[in-house]
Amino acid sequence: MLRAAGAGLAMLALSACAGGQYRPVADTPVRIGKPYAVRGTTYVPAAAPAYDAVGYASWYGSESGNRTANGEKFRPGWITAAHTTLPLPTYVEVTALDSGRRIVVRVNDRGPFAGGGRIIDLSKGAAEALGAHRQGVVPVRVRRVEPSEKDRARLRKGKPAAMLAPLPPRELAALRARLAAGER
């Protein structure tokens, strides 16, 4: 009994050394959140299991060390993103509409709030994995997905999910037409 209590105190002491100000990277609990306003626009988070939108992505990376809306430490090199309304965390497939390149990204933050048709902010690591880090803003499709547990675990550790084949040219053309028509 005394040995178990000592082990428990040791674990508590070690966890205090971890900083304690950031939430550990985990997929639970999933948080939808309450409506919130930024610069006069109100955003209403929702479950959105069939989310599939076209628009623009930007990327951010200088915020290293900041806390994400999910409470985790922001790590610019990880494959993460910010979205205004999807639950935190959520997994999405992001397709670059200029190349057809696709990646799976873990959404753990809120944003973008810059306007201009932006539907997702990618971390620097995600922008690099998508081949979009040289541009400031790129046309994309963002689709909610349920990746395998292996891919989830890799993303929670800052590693990329399994590579996805590029989108076929016919599907890519249809998504570009959808964007040009102003559809989301």
C-alpha atoms as a PDB file:
ATOM      1  CA  MET A   1       0.000   0.000   0.000  1.00  0.00           C
ATOM      2  CA  LEU A   2       2.753   2.409   0.969  1.00  0.00           C
ATOM      3  CA  ARG A   3       4.692   1.473  -2.170  1.00  0.00           C
ATOM      4  CA  ALA A   4       1.637   2.225  -4.384  1.00  0.00           C
ATOM      5  CA  ALA A   5       1.138   5.590  -2.667  1.00  0.00           C
ATOM      6  CA  GLY A   6       4.803   6.444  -3.230  1.00  0.00           C
ATOM      7  CA  ALA A   7       4.525   5.539  -6.897  1.00  0.00           C
ATOM      8  CA  GLY A   8       1.440   7.725  -7.211  1.00  0.00           C
ATOM      9  CA  LEU A   9       3.244  10.691  -5.629  1.00  0.00           C
ATOM     10  CA  ALA A  10       6.211  10.170  -7.960  1.00  0.00           C
ATOM     11  CA  MET A  11       3.895  10.202 -11.000  1.00  0.00           C
ATOM     12  CA  LEU A  12       2.221  13.363  -9.732  1.00  0.00           C
ATOM     13  CA  ALA A  13       5.614  15.044  -9.269  1.00  0.00           C
ATOM     14  CA  LEU A  14       6.709  14.034 -12.769  1.00  0.00           C
ATOM     15  CA  SER A  15       3.520  15.348 -14.324  1.00  0.00           C
ATOM     16  CA  ALA A  16       4.108  18.694 -12.618  1.00  0.00           C
ATOM     17  CA  CYS A  17       7.510  18.877 -14.344  1.00  0.00           C
ATOM     18  CA  ALA A  18       5.822  18.559 -17.732  1.00  0.00           C
ATOM     19  CA  GLY A  19       4.693  22.174 -17.515  1.00  0.00           C
ATOM     20  CA  GLY A  20       1.017  21.530 -16.914  1.00  0.00           C
ATOM     21  CA  GLN A  21      -0.037  24.607 -18.897  1.00  0.00           C
ATOM     22  CA  TYR A  22      -0.777  22.636 -22.077  1.00  0.00           C
ATOM     23  CA  ARG A  23      -3.328  19.892 -22.549  1.00  0.00           C
ATOM     24  CA  PRO A  24      -1.758  16.584 -23.609  1.00  0.00           C
ATOM     25  CA  VAL A  25      -2.246  15.681 -27.275  1.00  0.00           C
ATOM     26  CA  ALA A  26      -5.273  13.365 -27.302  1.00  0.00           C
ATOM     27  CA  ASP A  27      -8.378  12.673 -29.338  1.00  0.00           C
ATOM     28  CA  THR A  28     -10.676  12.855 -26.336  1.00  0.00           C
ATOM     29  CA  PRO A  29     -12.621  14.697 -25.299  1.00  0.00           C
ATOM     30  CA  VAL A  30     -13.916  15.983 -28.633  1.00  0.00           C
ATOM     31  CA  ARG A  31     -15.098  19.552 -28.129  1.00  0.00           C
ATOM     32  CA  ILE A  32     -17.641  21.252 -30.344  1.00  0.00           C
ATOM     33  CA  GLY A  33     -17.720  24.466 -28.346  1.00  0.00           C
ATOM     34  CA  LYS A  34     -20.076  27.381 -27.962  1.00  0.00           C
ATOM     35  CA  PRO A  35     -20.667  30.098 -30.566  1.00  0.00           C
ATOM     36  CA  TYR A  36     -17.987  32.810 -30.498  1.00  0.00           C
ATOM     37  CA  ALA A  37     -17.321  36.095 -32.277  1.00  0.00           C
ATOM     38  CA  VAL A  38     -14.134  37.404 -33.897  1.00  0.00           C
ATOM     39  CA  ARG A  39     -13.985  40.841 -35.541  1.00  0.00           C
ATOM     40  CA  GLY A  40     -17.761  41.111 -35.684  1.00  0.00           C
ATOM     41  CA  THR A  41     -18.373  37.668 -37.203  1.00  0.00           C
ATOM     42  CA  THR A  42     -20.084  34.964 -35.144  1.00  0.00           C
ATOM     43  CA  TYR A  43     -18.969  31.367 -35.640  1.00  0.00           C
ATOM     44  CA  VAL A  44     -21.126  28.435 -34.553  1.00  0.00           C
ATOM     45  CA  PRO A  45     -19.153  25.210 -34.068  1.00  0.00           C
ATOM     46  CA  ALA A  46     -20.998  22.069 -35.180  1.00  0.00           C
ATOM     47  CA  ALA A  47     -20.419  18.317 -35.453  1.00  0.00           C
ATOM     48  CA  ALA A  48     -20.551  18.410 -39.313  1.00  0.00           C
ATOM     49  CA  PRO A  49     -19.751  14.723 -40.008  1.00  0.00           C
ATOM     50  CA  ALA A  50     -20.239  15.243 -43.778  1.00  0.00           C
ATOM     51  CA  TYR A  51     -18.165  18.458 -44.010  1.00  0.00           C
ATOM     52  CA  ASP A  52     -16.806  18.883 -47.550  1.00  0.00           C
ATOM     53  CA  ALA A  53     -15.894  22.396 -48.724  1.00  0.00           C
ATOM     54  CA  VAL A  54     -13.759  24.152 -51.316  1.00  0.00           C
ATOM     55  CA  GLY A  55     -12.057  27.448 -50.651  1.00  0.00           C
ATOM     56  CA  TYR A  56      -8.613  28.672 -49.734  1.00  0.00           C
ATOM     57  CA  ALA A  57      -5.958  27.661 -47.232  1.00  0.00           C
ATOM     58  CA  SER A  58      -3.279  29.795 -45.694  1.00  0.00           C
ATOM     59  CA  TRP A  59      -0.572  28.687 -43.297  1.00  0.00           C
ATOM     60  CA  TYR A  60       0.895  29.918 -40.063  1.00  0.00           C
ATOM     61  CA  GLY A  61       4.090  29.066 -38.233  1.00  0.00           C
ATOM     62  CA  SER A  62       5.439  31.941 -36.154  1.00  0.00           C
ATOM     63  CA  GLU A  63       3.092  31.220 -33.251  1.00  0.00           C
ATOM     64  CA  SER A  64       5.342  28.433 -31.904  1.00  0.00           C
ATOM     65  CA  GLY A  65       4.767  27.836 -28.215  1.00  0.00           C
ATOM     66  CA  ASN A  66       1.266  29.281 -28.156  1.00  0.00           C
ATOM     67  CA  ARG A  67      -1.663  27.286 -26.893  1.00  0.00           C
ATOM     68  CA  THR A  68      -4.131  26.039 -29.497  1.00  0.00           C
ATOM     69  CA  ALA A  69      -7.883  26.418 -28.993  1.00  0.00           C
ATOM     70  CA  ASN A  70      -7.813  22.726 -28.024  1.00  0.00           C
ATOM     71  CA  GLY A  71      -5.405  23.583 -25.181  1.00  0.00           C
ATOM     72  CA  GLU A  72      -2.448  21.798 -26.786  1.00  0.00           C
ATOM     73  CA  LYS A  73       0.930  23.378 -27.465  1.00  0.00           C
ATOM     74  CA  PHE A  74       1.136  24.698 -31.018  1.00  0.00           C
ATOM     75  CA  ARG A  75       3.967  22.991 -32.863  1.00  0.00           C
ATOM     76  CA  PRO A  76       4.493  24.529 -36.318  1.00  0.00           C
ATOM     77  CA  GLY A  77       6.237  21.471 -37.760  1.00  0.00           C
ATOM     78  CA  TRP A  78       3.344  19.121 -36.977  1.00  0.00           C
ATOM     79  CA  ILE A  79       0.569  18.279 -39.465  1.00  0.00           C
ATOM     80  CA  THR A  80      -2.190  20.336 -37.825  1.00  0.00           C
ATOM     81  CA  ALA A  81      -4.670  23.031 -38.795  1.00  0.00           C
ATOM     82  CA  ALA A  82      -7.152  25.608 -37.576  1.00  0.00           C
ATOM     83  CA  HIS A  83     -10.815  25.681 -38.593  1.00  0.00           C
ATOM     84  CA  THR A  84     -13.572  28.041 -37.486  1.00  0.00           C
ATOM     85  CA  THR A  85     -16.329  25.525 -36.659  1.00  0.00           C
ATOM     86  CA  LEU A  86     -15.271  21.843 -36.804  1.00  0.00           C
ATOM     87  CA  PRO A  87     -15.021  19.950 -33.508  1.00  0.00           C
ATOM     88  CA  LEU A  88     -11.622  19.876 -31.828  1.00  0.00           C
ATOM     89  CA  PRO A  89      -9.916  17.605 -32.632  1.00  0.00           C
ATOM     90  CA  THR A  90     -11.175  16.572 -36.062  1.00  0.00           C
ATOM     91  CA  TYR A  91      -9.379  14.918 -38.963  1.00  0.00           C
ATOM     92  CA  VAL A  92      -9.686  16.305 -42.466  1.00  0.00           C
ATOM     93  CA  GLU A  93      -8.307  15.453 -45.871  1.00  0.00           C
ATOM     94  CA  VAL A  94      -6.897  18.566 -47.518  1.00  0.00           C
ATOM     95  CA  THR A  95      -6.457  18.525 -51.297  1.00  0.00           C
ATOM     96  CA  ALA A  96      -4.407  21.186 -53.110  1.00  0.00           C
ATOM     97  CA  LEU A  97      -6.534  22.105 -56.133  1.00  0.00           C
ATOM     98  CA  ASP A  98      -3.509  23.214 -58.157  1.00  0.00           C
ATOM     99  CA  SER A  99      -1.690  19.846 -57.911  1.00  0.00           C
ATOM    100  CA  GLY A 100      -4.205  17.290 -56.649  1.00  0.00           C
ATOM    101  CA  ARG A 101      -1.868  16.444 -53.749  1.00  0.00           C
ATOM    102  CA  ARG A 102      -3.747  15.214 -50.647  1.00  0.00           C
ATOM    103  CA  ILE A 103      -2.856  14.911 -46.963  1.00  0.00           C
ATOM    104  CA  VAL A 104      -4.682  14.065 -43.729  1.00  0.00           C
ATOM    105  CA  VAL A 105      -4.493  16.819 -41.120  1.00  0.00           C
ATOM    106  CA  ARG A 106      -5.488  16.989 -37.439  1.00  0.00           C
ATOM    107  CA  VAL A 107      -7.568  20.107 -36.653  1.00  0.00           C
ATOM    108  CA  ASN A 108      -6.781  21.332 -33.129  1.00  0.00           C
ATOM    109  CA  ASP A 109      -7.167  25.114 -33.352  1.00  0.00           C
ATOM    110  CA  ARG A 110      -9.584  27.883 -34.381  1.00  0.00           C
ATOM    111  CA  GLY A 111      -9.162  30.074 -37.449  1.00  0.00           C
ATOM    112  CA  PRO A 112      -8.703  31.382 -40.084  1.00  0.00           C
ATOM    113  CA  PHE A 113     -10.179  34.769 -39.410  1.00  0.00           C
ATOM    114  CA  ALA A 114      -8.612  36.678 -42.325  1.00  0.00           C
ATOM    115  CA  GLY A 115     -11.506  36.316 -44.795  1.00  0.00           C
ATOM    116  CA  GLY A 116     -10.970  36.069 -48.529  1.00  0.00           C
ATOM    117  CA  GLY A 117     -12.617  32.657 -48.807  1.00  0.00           C
ATOM    118  CA  ARG A 118     -10.164  31.014 -46.420  1.00  0.00           C
ATOM    119  CA  ILE A 119     -11.618  27.858 -44.920  1.00  0.00           C
ATOM    120  CA  ILE A 120      -8.552  26.438 -43.141  1.00  0.00           C
ATOM    121  CA  ASP A 121      -5.218  27.584 -41.721  1.00  0.00           C
ATOM    122  CA  LEU A 122      -2.499  24.961 -42.027  1.00  0.00           C
ATOM    123  CA  SER A 123       0.519  24.676 -39.754  1.00  0.00           C
ATOM    124  CA  LYS A 124       3.840  25.154 -41.520  1.00  0.00           C
ATOM    125  CA  GLY A 125       4.385  21.374 -41.395  1.00  0.00           C
ATOM    126  CA  ALA A 126       1.008  20.718 -43.035  1.00  0.00           C
ATOM    127  CA  ALA A 127       1.641  23.378 -45.705  1.00  0.00           C
ATOM    128  CA  GLU A 128       5.008  21.771 -46.476  1.00  0.00           C
ATOM    129  CA  ALA A 129       3.466  18.276 -46.648  1.00  0.00           C
ATOM    130  CA  LEU A 130       0.818  19.603 -49.049  1.00  0.00           C
ATOM    131  CA  GLY A 131       3.430  21.395 -51.163  1.00  0.00           C
ATOM    132  CA  ALA A 132       1.816  24.752 -50.419  1.00  0.00           C
ATOM    133  CA  HIS A 133       4.430  26.382 -48.177  1.00  0.00           C
ATOM    134  CA  ARG A 134       5.868  28.634 -50.913  1.00  0.00           C
ATOM    135  CA  GLN A 135       2.495  30.306 -51.496  1.00  0.00           C
ATOM    136  CA  GLY A 136       0.630  32.382 -48.945  1.00  0.00           C
ATOM    137  CA  VAL A 137      -2.834  31.217 -49.974  1.00  0.00           C
ATOM    138  CA  VAL A 138      -3.774  28.158 -52.070  1.00  0.00           C
ATOM    139  CA  PRO A 139      -7.084  26.748 -53.380  1.00  0.00           C
ATOM    140  CA  VAL A 140      -8.097  23.589 -51.499  1.00  0.00           C
ATOM    141  CA  ARG A 141     -10.792  21.084 -50.778  1.00  0.00           C
ATOM    142  CA  VAL A 142     -11.291  20.221 -47.097  1.00  0.00           C
ATOM    143  CA  ARG A 143     -13.229  17.055 -46.356  1.00  0.00           C
ATOM    144  CA  ARG A 144     -13.824  15.508 -42.937  1.00  0.00           C
ATOM    145  CA  VAL A 145     -12.477  11.953 -42.680  1.00  0.00           C
ATOM    146  CA  GLU A 146     -12.104   9.168 -40.127  1.00  0.00           C
ATOM    147  CA  PRO A 147      -8.526   7.919 -40.550  1.00  0.00           C
ATOM    148  CA  SER A 148      -7.242   4.636 -39.208  1.00  0.00           C
ATOM    149  CA  GLU A 149      -6.077   4.503 -35.593  1.00  0.00           C
ATOM    150  CA  LYS A 150      -2.524   4.093 -36.897  1.00  0.00           C
ATOM    151  CA  ASP A 151      -2.770   7.377 -38.818  1.00  0.00           C
ATOM    152  CA  ARG A 152      -4.427   9.112 -35.851  1.00  0.00           C
ATOM    153  CA  ALA A 153      -1.601   7.966 -33.586  1.00  0.00           C
ATOM    154  CA  ARG A 154       1.028   9.199 -36.055  1.00  0.00           C
ATOM    155  CA  LEU A 155      -0.625  12.622 -36.298  1.00  0.00           C
ATOM    156  CA  ARG A 156      -0.943  12.872 -32.491  1.00  0.00           C
ATOM    157  CA  LYS A 157       2.841  12.356 -32.328  1.00  0.00           C
ATOM    158  CA  GLY A 158       3.555  15.018 -34.952  1.00  0.00           C
ATOM    159  CA  LYS A 159       4.211  12.556 -37.779  1.00  0.00           C
ATOM    160  CA  PRO A 160       2.392  12.536 -41.121  1.00  0.00           C
ATOM    161  CA  ALA A 161      -0.358  10.022 -41.858  1.00  0.00           C
ATOM    162  CA  ALA A 162       0.081   7.498 -44.660  1.00  0.00           C
ATOM    163  CA  MET A 163       0.593   9.056 -48.090  1.00  0.00           C
ATOM    164  CA  LEU A 164      -2.516   9.448 -50.238  1.00  0.00           C
ATOM    165  CA  ALA A 165      -2.536   9.156 -54.010  1.00  0.00           C
ATOM    166  CA  PRO A 166      -3.129  12.446 -55.835  1.00  0.00           C
ATOM    167  CA  LEU A 167      -6.719  13.152 -56.813  1.00  0.00           C
ATOM    168  CA  PRO A 168      -7.577  11.942 -60.343  1.00  0.00           C
ATOM    169  CA  PRO A 169      -7.675  14.745 -62.975  1.00  0.00           C
ATOM    170  CA  ARG A 170     -11.446  14.431 -63.587  1.00  0.00           C
ATOM    171  CA  GLU A 171     -12.280  14.862 -59.864  1.00  0.00           C
ATOM    172  CA  LEU A 172      -9.784  17.703 -59.581  1.00  0.00           C
ATOM    173  CA  ALA A 173     -11.407  19.505 -62.544  1.00  0.00           C
ATOM    174  CA  ALA A 174     -14.842  19.147 -60.911  1.00  0.00           C
ATOM    175  CA  LEU A 175     -13.541  20.653 -57.644  1.00  0.00           C
ATOM    176  CA  ARG A 176     -11.899  23.550 -59.494  1.00  0.00           C
ATOM    177  CA  ALA A 177     -15.211  24.219 -61.274  1.00  0.00           C
ATOM    178  CA  ARG A 178     -17.026  24.132 -57.925  1.00  0.00           C
ATOM    179  CA  LEU A 179     -14.596  26.722 -56.527  1.00  0.00           C
ATOM    180  CA  ALA A 180     -14.887  28.923 -59.652  1.00  0.00           C
ATOM    181  CA  ALA A 181     -18.690  28.816 -59.338  1.00  0.00           C
ATOM    182  CA  GLY A 182     -18.417  30.151 -55.790  1.00  0.00           C
ATOM    183  CA  GLU A 183     -19.742  26.970 -54.219  1.00  0.00           C
ATOM    184  CA  ARG A 184     -18.456  25.932 -50.841  1.00  0.00           C
END
